[in-house]
């Protein structure tokens, strides 16, 4: 005789809720016992409702189990299940689920809980705008209560306490282990503490030569200070110019030598005589190890200048730059760069040692020198510039034109170093110089230091 599982399963409610009685119940039980699948489904459903007799779990329920079973089941359901459990109001209905916890991520559950707390406490943006302090107080109270409810749950409290105890045990164990190692001599010791002094080294141990004080000087690439054997910083400098209107141009340095001052000073303009009978080399008085050899067929100039139009600069004494002396740069001497005398590096002349020197930043910063406008951080600002006025002689002779002066707006607030680039007769040049000394200005700054700056002044004389 074939067995219909689907029909048997349809009779489970009659068995579980006591609807079937007498012979019908016996027939259903026998039908369930004949099929292993039906018996398994019946036990599972009965265990889920927590009404199955576990003493008879291995077999089908005995006959004396079923009298009054339906009433007992209804009473158990009323005790264990709330009226709104199924979402259908009072009574049992809707879809039955074996797993009541939704498969939801931790972040989503946390967000849902926080949103629910905010909704219950009326924490909304309009409420915040209406009463910020009340909003803050309600937020603190609502979330505090939510946290208290969360940690008051038995599982959460046990998990928190267990974590705290585990961490405490770990810390105490590590401290006890370290203490045990120290007390039993297991701690790390100095491997050289038992060494004995046998003898002292009588010969002096050679040491590395110290680096020269300050930055390396010159235009070459290296860290030394010059030709001398012992490490020493090089000092000195030079400058020049031929009172030209334009600033000194960029170019290469001439050959460097320390022994004698230059006989022929550098000039960016091509020489008038291309093949002289007694050629004399163009030199500057500087340590050869501090000057980069530049074989390119380009004009002489200042390697650190920015102007491209060939010019010896506004200085004097020959050479190139805005200084004096026949060298190159802003100093006063036959060497290179700020400083005096000869050589390079700034300050008074001194020969250095330790090898090739120079490279980026070769010149030490000297805030006491005069700077070009493009070398300062903030340029000098002229506050007032008095007009010079006409002389009676210039008015009679109808002299007009422009007087151009080069001056220094010094860090002390005075106009110094006035030189004439272009003058006019009939006393107008003197009038311009007198007016230039009366200029009021705010000095230039470089790296936060007040410095002196070169400036070109022009005065126009016209008769209307």
Protein backbone atom coordinates (compact mmCIF):
# COMPACT_ATOMS: atom_id res chain seq x y z
CA UNK A 1 0.00 0.00 0.00
CA UNK A 2 1.56 3.31 -1.05
CA UNK A 3 2.07 6.17 1.40
CA UNK A 4 1.14 9.81 0.59
CA UNK A 5 3.47 12.10 2.65
CA UNK A 6 1.69 15.28 1.66
CA UNK A 7 -1.65 13.97 2.87
CA UNK A 8 -0.12 12.81 6.15
CA UNK A 9 1.54 16.21 6.72
CA UNK A 10 -1.84 17.87 6.23
CA UNK A 11 -3.13 15.88 9.20
CA UNK A 12 -0.42 17.20 11.61
CA UNK A 13 -2.61 20.08 12.92
CA UNK A 14 -5.28 17.54 13.93
CA UNK A 15 -2.69 15.58 15.89
CA UNK A 16 -0.89 18.58 17.48
CA UNK A 17 -3.98 20.62 18.36
CA UNK A 18 -6.19 17.65 19.42
CA UNK A 19 -8.76 17.96 16.64
CA UNK A 20 -8.55 14.26 15.70
CA UNK A 21 -9.90 11.78 18.29
CA UNK A 22 -10.42 8.06 18.68
CA UNK A 23 -9.91 5.93 15.60
CA UNK A 24 -8.97 8.88 13.41
CA UNK A 25 -6.07 9.77 15.73
CA UNK A 26 -4.86 6.16 15.85
CA UNK A 27 -5.00 5.95 12.06
CA UNK A 28 -3.00 9.17 11.70
CA UNK A 29 -0.37 7.99 14.19
CA UNK A 30 0.00 4.68 12.39
CA UNK A 31 0.33 6.55 9.10
CA UNK A 32 3.06 8.79 10.60
CA UNK A 33 4.92 5.78 12.07
CA UNK A 34 5.04 4.07 8.68
CA UNK A 35 7.12 6.90 7.09
CA UNK A 36 10.50 8.01 8.44
CA UNK A 37 10.15 11.43 6.81
CA UNK A 38 6.72 12.05 8.36
CA UNK A 39 7.92 10.95 11.79
CA UNK A 40 10.95 13.33 11.54
CA UNK A 41 8.76 16.25 10.48
CA UNK A 42 6.31 15.52 13.29
CA UNK A 43 9.04 15.47 15.98
CA UNK A 44 10.58 18.72 14.66
CA UNK A 45 7.29 20.57 14.72
CA UNK A 46 6.40 19.29 18.17
CA UNK A 47 9.83 20.26 19.61
CA UNK A 48 9.51 23.74 18.08
CA UNK A 49 6.26 24.31 19.93
CA UNK A 50 7.92 22.98 23.13
CA UNK A 51 5.11 20.48 23.86
CA UNK A 52 6.77 17.23 22.81
CA UNK A 53 7.26 14.62 25.48
CA UNK A 54 11.07 14.18 25.44
CA UNK A 55 10.82 10.91 27.30
CA UNK A 56 9.12 9.43 24.22
CA UNK A 57 11.31 11.24 21.65
CA UNK A 58 12.75 8.05 20.23
CA UNK A 59 9.31 6.78 19.17
CA UNK A 60 5.84 8.12 18.54
CA UNK A 61 3.89 9.42 21.54
CA UNK A 62 2.13 6.81 23.65
CA UNK A 63 -1.64 6.58 23.77
CA UNK A 64 -1.94 8.09 27.28
CA UNK A 65 -0.09 11.26 26.11
CA UNK A 66 -2.90 12.56 23.93
CA UNK A 67 -5.96 12.93 26.20
CA UNK A 68 -6.28 16.66 26.98
CA UNK A 69 -3.29 17.47 24.72
CA UNK A 70 -5.08 20.21 22.75
CA UNK A 71 -6.02 22.14 25.87
CA UNK A 72 -2.50 21.89 27.27
CA UNK A 73 -1.07 23.16 23.97
CA UNK A 74 -3.38 26.16 23.89
CA UNK A 75 -2.48 27.09 27.47
CA UNK A 76 1.24 26.83 26.63
CA UNK A 77 0.84 29.06 23.61
CA UNK A 78 -0.97 31.70 25.67
CA UNK A 79 1.90 31.64 28.22
CA UNK A 80 4.84 31.71 25.80
CA UNK A 81 3.59 33.79 22.85
CA UNK A 82 2.45 37.44 23.11
CA UNK A 83 -0.79 38.38 21.35
CA UNK A 84 1.07 40.56 18.77
CA UNK A 85 3.90 38.09 18.22
CA UNK A 86 2.88 37.21 14.69
CA UNK A 87 2.17 40.82 13.69
CA UNK A 88 -1.48 39.93 13.14
CA UNK A 89 -3.05 41.22 16.39
CA UNK A 90 -4.38 38.74 18.92
CA UNK A 91 -4.16 35.04 18.26
CA UNK A 92 -1.84 32.96 16.10
CA UNK A 93 -1.56 33.72 12.40
CA UNK A 94 0.67 34.99 9.67
CA UNK A 95 3.92 33.41 8.55
CA UNK A 96 5.78 31.24 11.05
CA UNK A 97 9.58 31.59 11.12
CA UNK A 98 11.98 29.31 12.91
CA UNK A 99 14.59 32.11 13.12
CA UNK A 100 13.26 35.31 14.60
CA UNK A 101 16.48 37.41 14.26
CA UNK A 102 16.79 39.08 10.89
CA UNK A 103 20.02 38.52 8.93
CA UNK A 104 21.21 42.13 9.27
CA UNK A 105 24.69 43.63 9.46
CA UNK A 106 26.13 45.12 12.64
CA UNK A 107 26.38 48.66 11.23
CA UNK A 108 22.79 48.62 9.99
CA UNK A 109 21.50 47.29 13.31
CA UNK A 110 23.46 49.94 15.22
CA UNK A 111 22.18 52.68 12.90
CA UNK A 112 18.64 51.43 13.33
CA UNK A 113 18.96 51.46 17.12
CA UNK A 114 20.45 54.97 17.17
CA UNK A 115 17.71 56.22 14.82
CA UNK A 116 15.05 54.67 17.02
CA UNK A 117 16.46 56.37 20.13
CA UNK A 118 16.54 59.72 18.32
CA UNK A 119 12.97 59.28 17.10
CA UNK A 120 11.67 58.35 20.56
CA UNK A 121 13.44 61.34 22.15
CA UNK A 122 12.28 63.73 19.38
CA UNK A 123 15.86 64.56 18.40
CA UNK A 124 15.36 66.35 15.09
CA UNK A 125 16.91 69.31 13.30
CA UNK A 126 13.93 71.63 13.94
CA UNK A 127 14.11 70.77 17.64
CA UNK A 128 17.83 71.55 17.67
CA UNK A 129 17.24 74.95 16.07
CA UNK A 130 14.39 75.71 18.45
CA UNK A 131 16.15 74.69 21.69
CA UNK A 132 19.83 73.67 21.31
CA UNK A 133 20.45 73.23 25.05
CA UNK A 134 17.30 71.18 25.53
CA UNK A 135 18.24 69.11 22.50
CA UNK A 136 21.67 68.40 24.03
CA UNK A 137 20.15 67.45 27.39
CA UNK A 138 17.62 65.10 25.80
CA UNK A 139 20.34 63.55 23.64
CA UNK A 140 22.53 62.86 26.67
CA UNK A 141 19.60 61.37 28.62
CA UNK A 142 18.22 59.26 25.75
CA UNK A 143 21.54 57.79 24.63
CA UNK A 144 22.63 57.31 28.23
CA UNK A 145 19.54 55.26 28.96
CA UNK A 146 20.04 53.26 25.76
CA UNK A 147 23.63 52.49 26.74
CA UNK A 148 22.54 51.52 30.26
CA UNK A 149 19.88 49.17 28.84
CA UNK A 150 22.42 47.65 26.50
CA UNK A 151 25.06 46.95 29.14
CA UNK A 152 22.47 45.78 31.68
CA UNK A 153 21.65 42.79 29.48
CA UNK A 154 23.06 39.63 30.94
CA UNK A 155 24.98 38.53 27.84
CA UNK A 156 26.48 41.97 27.22
CA UNK A 157 27.44 42.41 30.87
CA UNK A 158 29.05 38.96 30.98
CA UNK A 159 30.96 39.63 27.72
CA UNK A 160 32.21 43.02 28.96
CA UNK A 161 33.24 41.62 32.32
CA UNK A 162 34.95 38.66 30.66
CA UNK A 163 36.96 40.96 28.37
CA UNK A 164 38.03 43.15 31.27
CA UNK A 165 39.07 40.15 33.35
CA UNK A 166 40.98 38.60 30.40
CA UNK A 167 42.93 41.82 29.73
CA UNK A 168 43.67 42.24 33.43
CA UNK A 169 44.96 38.68 33.66
CA UNK A 170 47.16 39.24 30.60
CA UNK A 171 48.69 42.43 32.02
CA UNK A 172 49.29 40.86 35.43
CA UNK A 173 50.82 37.78 33.80
CA UNK A 174 53.27 39.84 31.73
CA UNK A 175 54.29 41.89 34.78
CA UNK A 176 54.74 38.72 36.87
CA UNK A 177 56.81 37.11 34.11
CA UNK A 178 59.13 40.13 33.86
CA UNK A 179 59.50 40.19 37.62
CA UNK A 180 60.30 36.48 37.67
CA UNK A 181 62.95 36.89 34.95
CA UNK A 182 64.56 39.75 36.80
CA UNK A 183 64.61 37.92 40.15
CA UNK A 184 66.14 34.73 38.64
CA UNK A 185 68.76 36.46 36.51
CA UNK A 186 67.05 35.74 33.23
CA UNK A 187 66.92 39.40 32.13
CA UNK A 188 69.20 40.59 29.31
CA UNK A 189 72.64 41.59 30.55
CA UNK A 190 75.54 43.58 29.14
CA UNK A 191 77.84 41.17 27.26
CA UNK A 192 80.86 43.43 27.85
CA UNK A 193 80.50 43.98 31.60
CA UNK A 194 83.13 41.31 32.45
CA UNK A 195 85.81 42.63 30.07
CA UNK A 196 89.10 43.72 31.64
CA UNK A 197 91.47 46.50 30.55
CA UNK A 198 94.68 44.88 29.23
CA UNK A 199 96.60 47.93 28.01
CA UNK A 200 96.13 51.38 26.55
CA UNK A 201 96.88 52.33 22.97
CA UNK A 202 99.93 54.54 23.10
CA UNK A 203 99.78 55.88 19.55
CA UNK A 204 97.24 58.58 18.80
CA UNK A 205 94.21 57.24 16.97
CA UNK A 206 93.69 59.27 13.75
CA UNK A 207 90.41 61.17 13.60
CA UNK A 208 88.38 62.45 10.72
CA UNK A 209 89.09 66.05 9.94
CA UNK A 210 86.30 68.34 11.13
CA UNK A 211 84.14 70.04 8.56
CA UNK A 212 84.80 73.77 8.05
CA UNK A 213 82.56 76.12 9.95
CA UNK A 214 79.80 77.57 7.82
CA UNK A 215 78.85 76.56 4.33
CA UNK A 216 81.37 75.66 1.66
CA UNK A 217 82.44 78.64 -0.44
CA UNK A 218 82.88 79.07 -4.17
CA UNK A 219 81.16 77.82 -7.32
CA UNK A 220 82.68 74.33 -7.61
CA UNK A 221 81.04 71.13 -6.40
CA UNK A 222 82.43 69.89 -3.09
CA UNK A 223 82.49 70.22 0.69
CA UNK A 224 86.02 71.45 1.31
CA UNK A 225 87.44 74.90 1.88
CA UNK A 226 90.36 75.19 -0.50
CA UNK A 227 93.91 74.13 -1.31
CA UNK A 228 95.39 73.91 2.21
CA UNK A 229 95.64 70.41 3.72
CA UNK A 230 93.83 71.11 6.99
CA UNK A 231 90.12 71.68 6.87
CA UNK A 232 89.39 75.39 7.16
CA UNK A 233 86.66 77.63 5.84
CA UNK A 234 87.64 80.07 3.12
CA UNK A 235 86.84 83.78 3.44
CA UNK A 236 87.14 86.90 1.33
CA UNK A 237 85.45 88.29 -1.73
CA UNK A 238 85.53 90.77 -4.52
CA UNK A 239 83.48 92.98 -6.76
CA UNK A 240 83.71 95.37 -9.61
CA UNK A 241 81.96 96.98 -12.48
CA UNK A 242 82.39 99.72 -15.04
CA UNK A 243 79.57 102.07 -14.00
CA UNK A 244 77.24 100.71 -16.63
CA UNK A 245 73.55 101.39 -16.40
CA UNK A 246 72.46 97.74 -16.47
CA UNK A 247 73.07 95.19 -13.74
CA UNK A 248 75.88 92.67 -14.12
CA UNK A 249 75.05 89.87 -16.54
CA UNK A 250 75.22 86.15 -16.04
CA UNK A 251 78.31 84.34 -17.34
CA UNK A 252 81.32 82.26 -16.42
CA UNK A 253 84.15 83.15 -14.04
CA UNK A 254 87.63 83.67 -15.43
CA UNK A 255 90.55 81.48 -14.37
CA UNK A 256 91.20 81.60 -10.62
CA UNK A 257 94.62 81.99 -8.98
CA UNK A 258 95.65 83.00 -5.48
CA UNK A 259 99.26 84.10 -6.02
CA UNK A 260 98.89 87.48 -7.72
CA UNK A 261 96.05 89.95 -8.28
CA UNK A 262 94.55 90.02 -11.78
CA UNK A 263 96.31 92.09 -14.42
CA UNK A 264 93.38 92.00 -16.85
CA UNK A 265 89.98 92.05 -15.19
CA UNK A 266 86.98 90.18 -16.66
CA UNK A 267 84.69 91.95 -19.08
CA UNK A 268 81.52 90.48 -20.64
CA UNK A 269 81.99 92.54 -23.79
CA UNK A 270 84.17 91.00 -26.55
CA UNK A 271 87.71 92.44 -26.61
CA UNK A 272 88.51 94.98 -29.28
CA UNK A 273 91.76 93.19 -30.17
CA UNK A 274 91.11 89.53 -30.97
CA UNK A 275 94.77 88.46 -31.39
CA UNK A 276 97.04 90.65 -29.24
CA UNK A 277 100.88 90.38 -29.57
CA UNK A 278 101.28 89.90 -25.79
CA UNK A 279 98.17 88.01 -24.64
CA UNK A 280 97.48 88.33 -20.92
CA UNK A 281 95.05 85.90 -19.25
CA UNK A 282 91.92 87.22 -17.57
CA UNK A 283 91.93 86.12 -13.91
CA UNK A 284 90.43 86.71 -10.48
CA UNK A 285 92.31 86.26 -7.21
CA UNK A 286 90.59 83.17 -5.84
CA UNK A 287 91.50 79.60 -4.79
CA UNK A 288 91.33 77.43 -7.96
CA UNK A 289 89.70 74.58 -5.99
CA UNK A 290 86.76 76.84 -5.20
CA UNK A 291 86.09 77.98 -8.78
CA UNK A 292 84.43 75.75 -11.34
CA UNK A 293 86.34 75.40 -14.60
CA UNK A 294 83.98 76.44 -17.38
CA UNK A 295 85.38 75.81 -20.89
CA UNK A 296 82.26 77.07 -22.70
CA UNK A 297 82.84 79.89 -25.21
CA UNK A 298 80.50 82.30 -23.41
CA UNK A 299 81.18 85.81 -22.05
CA UNK A 300 82.54 86.38 -18.58
CA UNK A 301 80.01 87.30 -15.94
CA UNK A 302 78.61 86.49 -12.51
CA UNK A 303 77.39 82.83 -12.36
CA UNK A 304 74.74 83.84 -9.84
CA UNK A 305 73.39 86.84 -11.76
CA UNK A 306 70.05 86.73 -13.59
CA UNK A 307 70.51 89.43 -16.29
CA UNK A 308 71.16 88.17 -19.80
CA UNK A 309 72.18 91.40 -21.58
CA UNK A 310 76.01 91.60 -21.41
CA UNK A 311 77.01 94.24 -18.86
CA UNK A 312 79.87 94.78 -16.42
CA UNK A 313 77.44 96.16 -13.88
CA UNK A 314 77.09 99.38 -11.95
CA UNK A 315 80.18 98.94 -9.77
CA UNK A 316 83.58 100.42 -10.36
CA UNK A 317 87.25 99.51 -10.58
CA UNK A 318 86.93 97.08 -13.47
CA UNK A 319 85.63 93.55 -13.23
CA UNK A 320 81.97 92.62 -13.08
CA UNK A 321 79.28 93.36 -10.50
CA UNK A 322 78.02 96.16 -8.31
CA UNK A 323 81.00 96.32 -5.97
CA UNK A 324 84.54 97.61 -6.29
CA UNK A 325 88.03 96.26 -6.77
CA UNK A 326 88.34 94.44 -10.11
CA UNK A 327 86.83 91.11 -9.05
CA UNK A 328 83.35 89.69 -9.62
CA UNK A 329 80.33 90.27 -7.38
CA UNK A 330 79.14 92.73 -4.78
CA UNK A 331 82.21 92.78 -2.53
CA UNK A 332 85.31 94.95 -2.39
CA UNK A 333 88.33 93.14 -3.74
CA UNK A 334 89.81 91.05 -6.49
CA UNK A 335 88.04 87.81 -5.55
CA UNK A 336 84.45 86.68 -5.94
CA UNK A 337 81.25 87.46 -4.05
CA UNK A 338 80.49 89.45 -0.88
CA UNK A 339 83.55 90.07 1.24
CA UNK A 340 86.75 91.99 0.87
CA UNK A 341 90.35 91.59 -0.27
CA UNK A 342 90.51 88.42 -2.35
CA UNK A 343 89.35 84.74 -2.43
CA UNK A 344 85.67 84.02 -1.66
CA UNK A 345 83.36 83.09 1.21
CA UNK A 346 82.55 86.49 2.71
CA UNK A 347 84.31 88.56 5.34
CA UNK A 348 88.01 89.36 5.40
CA UNK A 349 90.33 87.32 3.17
CA UNK A 350 91.54 83.93 4.42
CA UNK A 351 92.73 80.86 2.56
CA UNK A 352 90.83 77.70 3.38
CA UNK A 353 91.61 74.01 3.13
CA UNK A 354 90.22 70.51 2.92
CA UNK A 355 89.64 70.13 -0.78
CA UNK A 356 87.20 71.23 -3.43
CA UNK A 357 84.40 73.42 -2.13
CA UNK A 358 81.32 75.23 -3.39
CA UNK A 359 78.06 74.03 -4.82
CA UNK A 360 74.55 75.27 -4.07
CA UNK A 361 74.50 77.73 -1.24
CA UNK A 362 78.21 78.25 -1.44
CA UNK A 363 78.04 81.84 -0.29
CA UNK A 364 77.29 82.44 3.36
CA UNK A 365 74.37 84.73 4.01
CA UNK A 366 75.57 88.24 4.74
CA UNK A 367 72.66 90.46 5.68
CA UNK A 368 74.93 93.46 6.07
CA UNK A 369 75.63 93.85 2.38
CA UNK A 370 73.62 95.77 -0.19
CA UNK A 371 71.06 93.68 -2.06
CA UNK A 372 69.61 94.03 -5.52
CA UNK A 373 65.82 94.39 -5.75
CA UNK A 374 65.41 90.80 -6.99
CA UNK A 375 67.42 89.41 -4.06
CA UNK A 376 65.26 90.65 -1.18
CA UNK A 377 62.11 89.08 0.22
CA UNK A 378 60.19 92.37 0.45
CA UNK A 379 61.41 95.39 -1.51
CA UNK A 380 61.87 98.84 0.01
CA UNK A 381 58.81 101.08 -0.24
CA UNK A 382 59.29 104.83 -0.89
CA UNK A 383 56.87 106.82 1.28
CA UNK A 384 57.75 110.33 0.13
CA UNK A 385 59.94 111.64 -2.70
CA UNK A 386 60.44 115.43 -2.68
CA UNK A 387 60.76 117.25 -6.01
CA UNK A 388 64.18 118.79 -6.70
CA UNK A 389 63.14 122.09 -8.31
CA UNK A 390 64.87 124.12 -11.08
CA UNK A 391 67.97 126.26 -10.83
CA UNK A 392 67.87 129.80 -12.25
CA UNK A 393 70.77 128.97 -14.53
CA UNK A 394 68.95 125.93 -15.99
CA UNK A 395 65.84 128.02 -16.52
CA UNK A 396 67.81 130.73 -18.31
CA UNK A 397 69.59 128.18 -20.53
CA UNK A 398 66.38 126.20 -21.08
CA UNK A 399 67.97 122.91 -19.85
CA UNK A 400 65.58 119.94 -19.72
CA UNK A 401 65.94 116.18 -19.45
CA UNK A 402 66.25 113.38 -16.91
CA UNK A 403 68.76 112.79 -14.12
CA UNK A 404 69.20 109.10 -13.26
CA UNK A 405 70.83 108.19 -9.94
CA UNK A 406 71.78 104.91 -8.32
CA UNK A 407 71.51 104.84 -4.54
CA UNK A 408 71.20 102.55 -1.54
CA UNK A 409 68.09 102.58 0.63
CA UNK A 410 69.94 101.45 3.74
CA UNK A 411 68.58 99.33 6.57
CA UNK A 412 69.00 102.32 8.91
CA UNK A 413 66.48 104.38 6.90
CA UNK A 414 68.98 106.68 5.19
CA UNK A 415 69.71 107.14 1.49
CA UNK A 416 73.42 106.42 0.96
CA UNK A 417 75.83 105.49 -1.79
CA UNK A 418 74.38 107.92 -4.33
CA UNK A 419 76.08 107.70 -7.72
CA UNK A 420 75.22 109.45 -10.98
CA UNK A 421 74.20 107.23 -13.88
CA UNK A 422 73.06 110.13 -16.11
CA UNK A 423 73.35 113.82 -15.24
CA UNK A 424 72.35 117.26 -16.49
CA UNK A 425 74.24 120.57 -16.47
CA UNK A 426 73.37 123.88 -14.84
CA UNK A 427 73.17 122.43 -11.33
CA UNK A 428 70.26 120.08 -12.00
CA UNK A 429 72.28 116.96 -11.06
CA UNK A 430 73.13 118.52 -7.69
CA UNK A 431 69.47 119.42 -7.18
CA UNK A 432 68.49 115.76 -7.85
CA UNK A 433 71.10 114.44 -5.38
CA UNK A 434 69.86 116.85 -2.67
CA UNK A 435 66.27 115.71 -3.24
CA UNK A 436 67.29 112.03 -3.19
CA UNK A 437 68.80 112.41 0.31
CA UNK A 438 65.41 113.62 1.58
CA UNK A 439 63.50 110.50 0.47
CA UNK A 440 61.52 108.73 3.19
CA UNK A 441 61.09 104.96 2.81
CA UNK A 442 60.42 101.67 4.54
CA UNK A 443 63.56 99.46 4.30
CA UNK A 444 63.62 96.14 2.48
CA UNK A 445 63.67 92.79 4.29
CA UNK A 446 65.26 89.43 3.50
CA UNK A 447 64.53 86.27 5.49
CA UNK A 448 63.02 88.43 8.21
CA UNK A 449 66.11 90.70 8.43
CA UNK A 450 66.05 94.44 7.59
CA UNK A 451 68.57 94.93 4.80
CA UNK A 452 69.89 97.61 2.44
CA UNK A 453 68.71 97.62 -1.16
CA UNK A 454 69.96 99.22 -4.36
CA UNK A 455 67.52 101.49 -6.17
CA UNK A 456 67.54 103.55 -9.35
CA UNK A 457 66.05 107.06 -9.04
CA UNK A 458 64.93 109.27 -11.92
CA UNK A 459 64.13 113.01 -11.81
CA UNK A 460 62.54 114.69 -14.84
CA UNK A 461 63.25 118.39 -15.45
CA UNK A 462 60.87 120.09 -17.88
CA UNK A 463 59.91 123.71 -18.48
CA UNK A 464 56.25 124.24 -19.24
